N, C-alpha and C. Protein backbone atom coordinates (compact mmCIF):
# COMPACT_ATOMS: atom_id res chain seq x y z
N MET A 1 -25.94 -28.50 27.50
CA MET A 1 -24.71 -28.56 26.60
C MET A 1 -25.19 -28.77 25.19
N ALA A 2 -24.73 -28.13 24.28
CA ALA A 2 -25.08 -28.23 22.83
C ALA A 2 -24.45 -29.44 22.19
N ASP A 3 -25.16 -30.09 21.28
CA ASP A 3 -24.70 -31.33 20.46
C ASP A 3 -23.91 -30.76 19.54
N PRO A 4 -22.72 -31.21 19.28
CA PRO A 4 -21.66 -30.64 18.30
C PRO A 4 -22.07 -31.18 16.86
N ASN A 5 -22.78 -32.25 16.74
CA ASN A 5 -23.27 -32.82 15.44
C ASN A 5 -24.48 -32.19 14.97
N ARG A 6 -25.22 -31.39 15.76
CA ARG A 6 -26.45 -30.81 15.41
C ARG A 6 -26.08 -29.48 14.57
N PRO A 7 -26.77 -29.35 13.34
CA PRO A 7 -26.54 -27.90 12.67
C PRO A 7 -26.91 -26.65 13.56
N ASN A 8 -26.22 -25.71 13.34
CA ASN A 8 -26.42 -24.44 14.07
C ASN A 8 -27.79 -23.78 13.49
N PRO A 9 -28.85 -23.65 14.34
CA PRO A 9 -30.11 -22.99 13.92
C PRO A 9 -30.00 -21.58 13.53
N TYR A 10 -28.81 -20.88 14.04
CA TYR A 10 -28.53 -19.43 13.69
C TYR A 10 -27.79 -19.17 12.47
N ALA A 11 -27.42 -20.24 11.82
CA ALA A 11 -26.55 -20.00 10.67
C ALA A 11 -27.39 -19.46 9.50
N PRO A 12 -26.88 -18.57 8.56
CA PRO A 12 -27.69 -17.97 7.58
C PRO A 12 -28.13 -19.20 6.55
N PRO A 13 -29.30 -18.98 5.92
CA PRO A 13 -29.77 -20.06 5.01
C PRO A 13 -28.68 -20.24 3.96
N GLY A 14 -28.45 -21.49 3.47
CA GLY A 14 -27.74 -21.84 2.37
C GLY A 14 -26.22 -21.97 2.83
N ASN A 15 -25.91 -21.76 4.22
CA ASN A 15 -24.74 -21.93 4.63
C ASN A 15 -24.53 -23.39 5.13
N ASP A 16 -24.05 -24.27 4.35
CA ASP A 16 -23.90 -25.73 4.78
C ASP A 16 -22.64 -26.05 5.38
N GLU A 17 -21.61 -25.23 5.11
CA GLU A 17 -20.36 -25.34 5.71
C GLU A 17 -20.34 -24.94 7.22
N PRO A 18 -19.85 -25.67 8.08
CA PRO A 18 -19.86 -25.25 9.53
C PRO A 18 -18.87 -24.05 9.73
N ASN A 19 -17.69 -23.90 9.17
CA ASN A 19 -16.71 -22.86 9.27
C ASN A 19 -16.16 -22.60 7.92
N PRO A 20 -16.75 -21.68 7.24
CA PRO A 20 -16.17 -21.25 5.93
C PRO A 20 -14.70 -20.82 6.08
N GLN A 21 -13.84 -21.23 5.15
CA GLN A 21 -12.50 -20.89 5.13
C GLN A 21 -12.13 -19.63 4.37
N PRO A 22 -11.15 -18.91 4.80
CA PRO A 22 -10.62 -17.79 4.10
C PRO A 22 -9.97 -18.23 2.89
N PRO A 23 -9.72 -17.29 1.74
CA PRO A 23 -9.01 -17.75 0.57
C PRO A 23 -7.70 -18.41 0.91
N ALA A 24 -7.48 -19.43 0.13
CA ALA A 24 -6.16 -20.32 0.34
C ALA A 24 -5.15 -19.68 -0.59
N SER A 25 -3.87 -19.88 -0.04
CA SER A 25 -2.71 -19.43 -0.76
C SER A 25 -2.42 -20.66 -1.75
N PRO A 26 -1.48 -20.32 -2.74
CA PRO A 26 -1.13 -21.34 -3.74
C PRO A 26 -0.65 -22.64 -3.21
N ASN A 27 0.05 -22.49 -1.98
CA ASN A 27 0.64 -23.63 -1.38
C ASN A 27 -0.45 -24.48 -0.45
N GLY A 28 -1.68 -24.09 -0.48
CA GLY A 28 -2.64 -24.80 0.23
C GLY A 28 -2.93 -24.17 1.66
N GLY A 29 -2.09 -23.22 1.98
CA GLY A 29 -2.26 -22.59 3.41
C GLY A 29 -3.11 -21.32 3.24
N GLU A 30 -3.43 -20.69 4.32
CA GLU A 30 -4.18 -19.49 4.41
C GLU A 30 -3.26 -18.30 4.04
N LYS A 31 -3.77 -17.41 3.37
CA LYS A 31 -3.11 -16.05 2.86
C LYS A 31 -3.07 -15.29 4.25
N GLN A 32 -1.75 -14.92 4.59
CA GLN A 32 -1.63 -14.06 5.80
C GLN A 32 -0.71 -12.90 5.41
N ARG A 33 -1.02 -11.77 5.77
CA ARG A 33 -0.35 -10.53 5.42
C ARG A 33 0.67 -10.33 6.49
N GLY A 34 0.53 -10.65 7.63
CA GLY A 34 1.39 -10.38 8.78
C GLY A 34 1.23 -9.01 9.24
N GLY A 35 1.56 -8.83 10.61
CA GLY A 35 1.34 -7.58 11.30
C GLY A 35 2.12 -6.43 10.75
N CYS A 36 3.39 -6.49 10.42
CA CYS A 36 4.19 -5.35 10.03
C CYS A 36 3.76 -4.93 8.54
N LEU A 37 3.39 -5.92 7.66
CA LEU A 37 2.90 -5.46 6.42
C LEU A 37 1.60 -4.74 6.48
N THR A 38 0.61 -5.28 7.38
CA THR A 38 -0.58 -4.84 7.57
C THR A 38 -0.46 -3.30 8.03
N ALA A 39 0.33 -3.21 9.04
CA ALA A 39 0.64 -1.73 9.65
C ALA A 39 1.13 -0.82 8.60
N MET A 40 2.13 -1.27 7.70
CA MET A 40 2.63 -0.42 6.69
C MET A 40 1.56 -0.09 5.79
N LEU A 41 0.72 -0.97 5.25
CA LEU A 41 -0.28 -0.73 4.25
C LEU A 41 -1.33 0.25 4.89
N VAL A 42 -1.79 0.06 6.11
CA VAL A 42 -2.75 0.88 6.69
C VAL A 42 -2.22 2.43 6.68
N LEU A 43 -0.86 2.43 7.06
CA LEU A 43 -0.25 3.71 7.09
C LEU A 43 -0.20 4.42 5.77
N MET A 44 0.15 3.54 4.77
CA MET A 44 0.14 4.04 3.36
C MET A 44 -1.27 4.62 2.92
N MET A 45 -2.29 3.80 3.27
CA MET A 45 -3.63 4.12 2.96
C MET A 45 -4.23 5.33 3.66
N ILE A 46 -3.56 5.72 4.85
CA ILE A 46 -3.99 6.94 5.42
C ILE A 46 -3.13 8.16 5.09
N ALA A 47 -1.82 7.93 5.01
CA ALA A 47 -0.89 9.06 4.72
C ALA A 47 -0.95 9.60 3.31
N ASN A 48 -1.09 8.73 2.24
CA ASN A 48 -0.91 9.14 1.00
C ASN A 48 -2.05 10.17 0.59
N PRO A 49 -3.28 9.74 0.88
CA PRO A 49 -4.30 10.68 0.51
C PRO A 49 -4.19 12.00 1.17
N LEU A 50 -3.74 11.98 2.40
CA LEU A 50 -3.52 13.26 3.20
C LEU A 50 -2.33 14.08 2.60
N VAL A 51 -1.34 13.47 2.25
CA VAL A 51 -0.29 14.15 1.53
C VAL A 51 -0.74 14.66 0.16
N ALA A 52 -1.48 13.81 -0.43
CA ALA A 52 -1.98 14.35 -1.81
C ALA A 52 -2.76 15.70 -1.59
N LEU A 53 -3.74 15.72 -0.66
CA LEU A 53 -4.54 16.79 -0.46
C LEU A 53 -3.71 18.02 -0.05
N LEU A 54 -2.55 17.90 0.79
CA LEU A 54 -1.64 18.82 1.15
C LEU A 54 -0.85 19.35 -0.21
N TYR A 55 -0.45 18.47 -0.98
CA TYR A 55 0.14 18.96 -2.25
C TYR A 55 -0.85 19.69 -3.19
N LEU A 56 -1.93 19.14 -3.19
CA LEU A 56 -2.91 19.78 -4.31
C LEU A 56 -3.56 20.98 -3.70
N LEU A 57 -3.68 21.10 -2.48
CA LEU A 57 -4.37 22.36 -1.78
C LEU A 57 -3.38 23.55 -1.54
N SER A 58 -2.09 23.18 -1.14
CA SER A 58 -1.16 24.01 -0.73
C SER A 58 0.00 24.02 -1.73
N GLY A 59 -0.19 23.69 -2.90
CA GLY A 59 0.82 23.53 -3.88
C GLY A 59 1.74 24.75 -4.03
N ASP A 60 1.13 25.92 -4.06
CA ASP A 60 1.93 27.18 -4.31
C ASP A 60 2.99 27.50 -3.22
N ALA A 61 2.28 27.30 -1.91
CA ALA A 61 3.24 27.55 -0.83
C ALA A 61 4.36 26.43 -0.72
N ILE A 62 4.03 25.28 -1.09
CA ILE A 62 5.11 24.21 -0.97
C ILE A 62 6.20 24.51 -2.14
N SER A 63 5.70 24.90 -3.39
CA SER A 63 6.56 25.21 -4.35
C SER A 63 7.54 26.31 -4.08
N ARG A 64 7.12 27.41 -3.40
CA ARG A 64 7.89 28.45 -3.01
C ARG A 64 8.86 28.09 -1.85
N ALA A 65 8.48 27.24 -0.94
CA ALA A 65 9.27 26.80 0.08
C ALA A 65 10.39 25.90 -0.38
N LEU A 66 10.09 25.12 -1.38
CA LEU A 66 11.08 24.14 -1.92
C LEU A 66 11.88 24.72 -3.16
N HIS A 67 11.44 25.94 -3.56
CA HIS A 67 12.01 26.44 -4.74
C HIS A 67 11.93 25.56 -5.90
N ALA A 68 10.66 24.88 -6.00
CA ALA A 68 10.50 23.85 -6.98
C ALA A 68 9.69 24.46 -8.21
N PRO A 69 9.87 23.85 -9.36
CA PRO A 69 9.05 24.30 -10.47
C PRO A 69 7.69 24.09 -10.25
N THR A 70 6.71 24.80 -10.91
CA THR A 70 5.34 24.78 -10.55
C THR A 70 4.79 23.48 -11.04
N TRP A 71 5.30 22.66 -11.85
CA TRP A 71 4.72 21.28 -12.30
C TRP A 71 5.13 20.37 -11.21
N ALA A 72 6.01 20.54 -10.41
CA ALA A 72 6.49 19.32 -9.50
C ALA A 72 5.48 18.98 -8.40
N VAL A 73 4.95 19.98 -7.75
CA VAL A 73 4.03 19.72 -6.71
C VAL A 73 2.71 18.87 -7.04
N PRO A 74 2.02 19.39 -8.15
CA PRO A 74 0.88 18.65 -8.59
C PRO A 74 1.27 17.21 -9.10
N VAL A 75 2.42 17.01 -9.65
CA VAL A 75 2.88 15.63 -10.10
C VAL A 75 3.04 14.83 -8.82
N LEU A 76 3.75 15.37 -7.72
CA LEU A 76 3.92 14.62 -6.54
C LEU A 76 2.61 14.31 -5.83
N GLY A 77 1.62 15.17 -6.03
CA GLY A 77 0.21 14.91 -5.52
C GLY A 77 -0.43 13.69 -6.25
N VAL A 78 -0.21 13.69 -7.54
CA VAL A 78 -0.75 12.54 -8.23
C VAL A 78 0.00 11.13 -7.88
N LEU A 79 1.16 11.38 -7.72
CA LEU A 79 2.13 10.13 -7.31
C LEU A 79 1.60 9.64 -5.96
N SER A 80 1.18 10.60 -5.05
CA SER A 80 0.56 10.12 -3.79
C SER A 80 -0.69 9.45 -3.90
N ILE A 81 -1.51 9.95 -4.73
CA ILE A 81 -2.91 9.30 -4.92
C ILE A 81 -2.64 7.93 -5.66
N THR A 82 -1.69 7.82 -6.70
CA THR A 82 -1.41 6.56 -7.23
C THR A 82 -0.84 5.45 -6.28
N ASN A 83 -0.03 6.05 -5.35
CA ASN A 83 0.58 5.11 -4.38
C ASN A 83 -0.60 4.62 -3.49
N PHE A 84 -1.52 5.37 -3.11
CA PHE A 84 -2.69 4.93 -2.28
C PHE A 84 -3.40 3.65 -3.01
N PHE A 85 -3.55 3.74 -4.28
CA PHE A 85 -4.22 2.65 -5.04
C PHE A 85 -3.24 1.42 -5.19
N CYS A 86 -1.94 1.68 -5.16
CA CYS A 86 -1.00 0.61 -5.11
C CYS A 86 -0.99 -0.08 -3.72
N ALA A 87 -1.19 0.69 -2.77
CA ALA A 87 -1.35 0.10 -1.40
C ALA A 87 -2.61 -0.88 -1.32
N LEU A 88 -3.65 -0.37 -1.97
CA LEU A 88 -4.92 -1.20 -2.03
C LEU A 88 -4.63 -2.50 -2.81
N GLY A 89 -3.93 -2.42 -3.89
CA GLY A 89 -3.48 -3.56 -4.57
C GLY A 89 -2.69 -4.56 -3.81
N ILE A 90 -1.77 -4.09 -3.17
CA ILE A 90 -0.88 -4.95 -2.27
C ILE A 90 -1.89 -5.51 -1.20
N TRP A 91 -2.65 -4.87 -0.65
CA TRP A 91 -3.62 -5.22 0.30
C TRP A 91 -4.48 -6.57 -0.16
N ARG A 92 -4.69 -6.43 -1.43
CA ARG A 92 -5.51 -7.54 -2.19
C ARG A 92 -4.65 -8.60 -2.77
N PHE A 93 -3.33 -8.65 -2.36
CA PHE A 93 -2.32 -9.56 -2.92
C PHE A 93 -2.19 -9.50 -4.40
N LYS A 94 -2.08 -8.28 -5.01
CA LYS A 94 -1.90 -8.07 -6.39
C LYS A 94 -0.31 -7.58 -6.67
N LYS A 95 0.24 -8.45 -7.57
CA LYS A 95 1.71 -8.07 -7.95
C LYS A 95 1.78 -6.51 -8.48
N TRP A 96 0.74 -6.20 -9.20
CA TRP A 96 0.80 -4.84 -9.81
C TRP A 96 0.91 -3.82 -8.77
N GLY A 97 0.35 -3.96 -7.52
CA GLY A 97 0.44 -3.10 -6.56
C GLY A 97 1.81 -2.84 -6.00
N VAL A 98 2.53 -3.94 -5.97
CA VAL A 98 3.96 -3.85 -5.48
C VAL A 98 4.79 -3.04 -6.55
N TYR A 99 4.57 -3.60 -7.81
CA TYR A 99 5.48 -2.94 -8.88
C TYR A 99 5.00 -1.56 -9.07
N GLY A 100 3.83 -1.15 -8.85
CA GLY A 100 3.35 0.29 -8.89
C GLY A 100 3.99 1.08 -7.85
N ALA A 101 3.98 0.64 -6.59
CA ALA A 101 4.45 1.32 -5.39
C ALA A 101 6.02 1.61 -5.59
N LEU A 102 6.72 0.48 -6.18
CA LEU A 102 8.15 0.69 -6.40
C LEU A 102 8.41 1.73 -7.58
N ALA A 103 7.50 1.62 -8.60
CA ALA A 103 7.67 2.69 -9.64
C ALA A 103 7.46 4.11 -9.23
N MET A 104 6.41 4.21 -8.35
CA MET A 104 6.17 5.62 -7.72
C MET A 104 7.34 6.02 -7.00
N ALA A 105 8.04 5.18 -6.26
CA ALA A 105 9.10 5.59 -5.38
C ALA A 105 10.30 5.98 -6.31
N ALA A 106 10.53 5.24 -7.42
CA ALA A 106 11.64 5.58 -8.37
C ALA A 106 11.33 6.94 -9.04
N LEU A 107 10.03 7.20 -9.40
CA LEU A 107 9.67 8.42 -10.09
C LEU A 107 9.74 9.57 -9.11
N GLY A 108 9.32 9.40 -7.79
CA GLY A 108 9.52 10.32 -6.73
C GLY A 108 10.99 10.58 -6.56
N LEU A 109 11.85 9.73 -6.62
CA LEU A 109 13.43 10.02 -6.46
C LEU A 109 13.84 10.78 -7.54
N VAL A 110 13.44 10.55 -8.84
CA VAL A 110 13.94 11.31 -9.91
C VAL A 110 13.35 12.81 -9.92
N ILE A 111 12.10 12.97 -9.40
CA ILE A 111 11.57 14.23 -9.22
C ILE A 111 12.24 15.01 -8.23
N ASN A 112 12.56 14.33 -7.10
CA ASN A 112 13.29 14.99 -5.97
C ASN A 112 14.67 15.52 -6.44
N PHE A 113 15.37 14.66 -7.22
CA PHE A 113 16.69 15.10 -7.72
C PHE A 113 16.53 16.28 -8.67
N THR A 114 15.50 16.18 -9.51
CA THR A 114 15.32 17.29 -10.47
C THR A 114 14.93 18.59 -9.90
N ILE A 115 14.17 18.61 -8.68
CA ILE A 115 13.90 19.87 -8.16
C ILE A 115 14.82 20.41 -7.08
N GLY A 116 15.85 19.62 -6.94
CA GLY A 116 17.04 20.12 -6.08
C GLY A 116 17.06 19.63 -4.67
N VAL A 117 16.35 18.70 -4.36
CA VAL A 117 16.25 18.17 -3.02
C VAL A 117 17.65 17.49 -2.81
N SER A 118 18.21 17.51 -1.57
CA SER A 118 19.59 16.96 -1.40
C SER A 118 19.62 15.46 -1.66
N PRO A 119 20.72 14.96 -2.08
CA PRO A 119 20.74 13.52 -2.26
C PRO A 119 20.38 12.69 -1.05
N GLY A 120 20.91 13.18 0.02
CA GLY A 120 20.67 12.42 1.40
C GLY A 120 19.12 12.39 1.70
N GLN A 121 18.41 13.45 1.54
CA GLN A 121 16.93 13.44 1.74
C GLN A 121 16.24 12.66 0.74
N SER A 122 16.81 12.74 -0.58
CA SER A 122 16.05 11.96 -1.63
C SER A 122 16.16 10.58 -1.42
N LEU A 123 17.24 9.97 -1.01
CA LEU A 123 17.70 8.61 -0.77
C LEU A 123 16.82 8.10 0.41
N MET A 124 16.53 9.12 1.42
CA MET A 124 15.80 8.63 2.60
C MET A 124 14.37 8.16 2.15
N GLY A 125 13.90 8.74 0.93
CA GLY A 125 12.63 8.29 0.48
C GLY A 125 12.64 6.83 0.01
N LEU A 126 13.73 6.14 -0.03
CA LEU A 126 13.87 4.82 -0.44
C LEU A 126 13.63 3.79 0.80
N ILE A 127 13.67 4.30 1.84
CA ILE A 127 13.40 3.44 2.96
C ILE A 127 12.23 2.74 3.02
N GLY A 128 11.06 3.42 2.69
CA GLY A 128 9.76 2.85 2.65
C GLY A 128 9.65 1.74 1.59
N PRO A 129 10.10 1.89 0.35
CA PRO A 129 10.11 0.94 -0.73
C PRO A 129 10.98 -0.22 -0.33
N GLY A 130 12.05 -0.08 0.39
CA GLY A 130 13.07 -1.22 0.79
C GLY A 130 12.39 -1.89 1.83
N LEU A 131 11.68 -1.23 2.71
CA LEU A 131 10.87 -1.96 3.86
C LEU A 131 9.74 -2.66 3.13
N LEU A 132 9.09 -2.33 2.20
CA LEU A 132 7.99 -2.94 1.53
C LEU A 132 8.68 -4.20 0.90
N ILE A 133 9.67 -4.13 0.24
CA ILE A 133 10.29 -5.39 -0.51
C ILE A 133 10.60 -6.39 0.65
N VAL A 134 11.15 -5.92 1.75
CA VAL A 134 11.34 -6.93 2.85
C VAL A 134 10.27 -7.59 3.42
N LEU A 135 9.19 -6.84 3.51
CA LEU A 135 7.82 -7.42 4.04
C LEU A 135 7.16 -8.21 3.05
N VAL A 136 7.17 -7.88 1.82
CA VAL A 136 6.34 -8.61 0.81
C VAL A 136 7.08 -9.99 0.39
N LYS A 137 8.41 -9.94 0.40
CA LYS A 137 9.22 -11.03 -0.25
C LYS A 137 8.79 -12.37 0.32
N PRO A 138 8.55 -12.56 1.76
CA PRO A 138 8.24 -13.88 2.20
C PRO A 138 6.74 -14.32 1.77
N ARG A 139 5.91 -13.26 1.39
CA ARG A 139 4.57 -13.61 1.01
C ARG A 139 4.23 -13.66 -0.54
N TRP A 140 5.42 -13.46 -1.20
CA TRP A 140 5.28 -13.23 -2.73
C TRP A 140 4.39 -14.35 -3.31
N GLU A 141 4.50 -15.58 -2.85
CA GLU A 141 3.71 -16.63 -3.51
C GLU A 141 2.16 -16.36 -3.35
N TYR A 142 1.80 -15.61 -2.44
CA TYR A 142 0.39 -15.39 -2.40
C TYR A 142 -0.07 -14.32 -3.32
N PHE A 143 0.73 -13.69 -3.88
CA PHE A 143 0.38 -12.62 -4.95
C PHE A 143 0.19 -13.12 -6.30
N ASP A 144 -0.89 -12.59 -6.84
CA ASP A 144 -1.25 -12.92 -8.29
C ASP A 144 -1.27 -11.67 -9.24
C-alpha cells in the first residue's frame, strides 16, 4: 500500500502541488460550463464552419434557390465564420463571445427579412440565441 504522505515519483519535475486546481471563478468556485452549454458550443463550432463552406462554395445555387441578391450569401457565410469565433470566445468564458453571437443573430435576422425569408422562418433563427442566453445567464459571473 502506498504512503499518502510520500511524494509521487512519477510527477513531472517542478510540480510541487499534489493536485493542480482548474481556474477559479470569481466567487472562489470552479468554472463550470455545464453539459447543455458545452453541447451547444460544440455544435456551434462544428456547424458554423460547415455552413460557411456551403454558403461560400455553393453561393450561386443558394442565391438562385432563395431568390436572394448576390451579396447576401457571402455575407451569411462571413456571419457563420464570425459565429464560430464567437463560440470559441464563449468556450473561454469571454463576454465578447456572447455579445458577438447575439449581434450575429440580429444581423442574420435583418438579412433574412431583407432577402424575403418569411417572418416565421426568420424568427425561428432566434431560438438558438434565446437558448444561448438561458444557458449563459447562470454562469455569467464566470465571464470576463
